[in-house]
Amino acid sequence: MPTRKHTLLFALFMSGYMAFFMSGILTGINTGLDAGFVSRWLHAWLLAWCCAFPLVLIGAPRVRALVSRLLGT
């Protein structure tokens, strides 16, 4: 698989995964687990994912470089 496609697909899945769980945890903590929880969670997840995807695309190469420098690889 070409590197560009791999990078985009990784960013899509990683940002979705992280946004899903983090928004669920924070929505539950901040608003409770009542009848409207799932609706609030999905709304928060969609907003978080829209932010997380470009942040992963921009940040992943920088984080990868930082880790390489720290590990001397």
C-alpha atoms as a PDB file:
ATOM      1  CA  MET A   1       0.000   0.000   0.000  1.00  0.00           C
ATOM      2  CA  PRO A   2       1.379   3.429  -0.873  1.00  0.00           C
ATOM      3  CA  THR A   3       2.644   5.431   2.092  1.00  0.00           C
ATOM      4  CA  ARG A   4       0.223   8.342   1.514  1.00  0.00           C
ATOM      5  CA  LYS A   5      -2.825   6.044   1.601  1.00  0.00           C
ATOM      6  CA  HIS A   6      -1.463   4.261   4.656  1.00  0.00           C
ATOM      7  CA  THR A   7      -0.946   7.580   6.444  1.00  0.00           C
ATOM      8  CA  LEU A   8      -4.466   8.803   5.643  1.00  0.00           C
ATOM      9  CA  LEU A   9      -6.133   5.537   6.643  1.00  0.00           C
ATOM     10  CA  PHE A  10      -4.118   5.331   9.861  1.00  0.00           C
ATOM     11  CA  ALA A  11      -5.062   8.920  10.750  1.00  0.00           C
ATOM     12  CA  LEU A  12      -8.729   8.248   9.963  1.00  0.00           C
ATOM     13  CA  PHE A  13      -8.924   5.156  12.170  1.00  0.00           C
ATOM     14  CA  MET A  14      -6.713   6.413  14.991  1.00  0.00           C
ATOM     15  CA  SER A  15      -8.523   9.747  15.250  1.00  0.00           C
ATOM     16  CA  GLY A  16     -11.917   8.038  15.154  1.00  0.00           C
ATOM     17  CA  TYR A  17     -10.889   5.517  17.806  1.00  0.00           C
ATOM     18  CA  MET A  18      -9.430   8.089  20.172  1.00  0.00           C
ATOM     19  CA  ALA A  19     -12.235  10.622  19.669  1.00  0.00           C
ATOM     20  CA  PHE A  20     -14.880   7.912  20.221  1.00  0.00           C
ATOM     21  CA  PHE A  21     -13.560   6.728  23.565  1.00  0.00           C
ATOM     22  CA  MET A  22     -12.386  10.080  24.897  1.00  0.00           C
ATOM     23  CA  SER A  23     -15.658  11.830  24.038  1.00  0.00           C
ATOM     24  CA  GLY A  24     -17.631   8.992  25.639  1.00  0.00           C
ATOM     25  CA  ILE A  25     -15.622   9.105  28.850  1.00  0.00           C
ATOM     26  CA  LEU A  26     -15.746  12.896  29.111  1.00  0.00           C
ATOM     27  CA  THR A  27     -19.435  13.116  28.173  1.00  0.00           C
ATOM     28  CA  GLY A  28     -20.230  10.563  30.869  1.00  0.00           C
ATOM     29  CA  ILE A  29     -18.152  12.370  33.476  1.00  0.00           C
ATOM     30  CA  ASN A  30     -19.508  15.825  32.619  1.00  0.00           C
ATOM     31  CA  THR A  31     -23.189  15.075  32.003  1.00  0.00           C
ATOM     32  CA  GLY A  32     -23.908  11.672  33.533  1.00  0.00           C
ATOM     33  CA  LEU A  33     -25.276   8.440  32.126  1.00  0.00           C
ATOM     34  CA  ASP A  34     -28.935   9.368  31.700  1.00  0.00           C
ATOM     35  CA  ALA A  35     -31.356   8.736  28.830  1.00  0.00           C
ATOM     36  CA  GLY A  36     -29.755  11.384  26.572  1.00  0.00           C
ATOM     37  CA  PHE A  37     -26.194  10.141  27.040  1.00  0.00           C
ATOM     38  CA  VAL A  38     -25.818   8.277  23.747  1.00  0.00           C
ATOM     39  CA  SER A  39     -27.100  11.220  21.716  1.00  0.00           C
ATOM     40  CA  ARG A  40     -24.765  13.661  23.494  1.00  0.00           C
ATOM     41  CA  TRP A  41     -21.862  11.211  23.120  1.00  0.00           C
ATOM     42  CA  LEU A  42     -22.338  10.748  19.389  1.00  0.00           C
ATOM     43  CA  HIS A  43     -22.625  14.496  18.884  1.00  0.00           C
ATOM     44  CA  ALA A  44     -19.442  15.086  20.909  1.00  0.00           C
ATOM     45  CA  TRP A  45     -17.680  12.261  19.040  1.00  0.00           C
ATOM     46  CA  LEU A  46     -18.498  13.730  15.633  1.00  0.00           C
ATOM     47  CA  LEU A  47     -17.208  17.158  16.665  1.00  0.00           C
ATOM     48  CA  ALA A  48     -14.098  15.643  18.253  1.00  0.00           C
ATOM     49  CA  TRP A  49     -13.372  13.511  15.190  1.00  0.00           C
ATOM     50  CA  CYS A  50     -13.570  16.542  12.909  1.00  0.00           C
ATOM     51  CA  CYS A  51     -10.823  18.111  15.030  1.00  0.00           C
ATOM     52  CA  ALA A  52      -8.816  14.948  15.706  1.00  0.00           C
ATOM     53  CA  PHE A  53      -8.374  13.808  12.096  1.00  0.00           C
ATOM     54  CA  PRO A  54      -6.420  16.837  10.857  1.00  0.00           C
ATOM     55  CA  LEU A  55      -4.531  17.010  14.161  1.00  0.00           C
ATOM     56  CA  VAL A  56      -3.355  13.402  13.726  1.00  0.00           C
ATOM     57  CA  LEU A  57      -2.353  14.109  10.117  1.00  0.00           C
ATOM     58  CA  ILE A  58      -0.323  17.123  11.200  1.00  0.00           C
ATOM     59  CA  GLY A  59       1.000  15.787  14.486  1.00  0.00           C
ATOM     60  CA  ALA A  60       1.882  12.158  13.729  1.00  0.00           C
ATOM     61  CA  PRO A  61       5.003  12.904  11.662  1.00  0.00           C
ATOM     62  CA  ARG A  62       6.279  15.291  14.321  1.00  0.00           C
ATOM     63  CA  VAL A  63       5.614  12.818  17.129  1.00  0.00           C
ATOM     64  CA  ARG A  64       7.258  10.026  15.111  1.00  0.00           C
ATOM     65  CA  ALA A  65      10.348  12.219  14.634  1.00  0.00           C
ATOM     66  CA  LEU A  66      10.434  13.108  18.334  1.00  0.00           C
ATOM     67  CA  VAL A  67      10.249   9.441  19.328  1.00  0.00           C
ATOM     68  CA  SER A  68      13.027   8.585  16.884  1.00  0.00           C
ATOM     69  CA  ARG A  69      15.219  11.323  18.357  1.00  0.00           C
ATOM     70  CA  LEU A  70      14.515  10.239  21.922  1.00  0.00           C
ATOM     71  CA  LEU A  71      15.288   6.602  21.132  1.00  0.00           C
ATOM     72  CA  GLY A  72      18.250   7.417  18.893  1.00  0.00           C
ATOM     73  CA  THR A  73      16.857   5.494  15.928  1.00  0.00           C
END
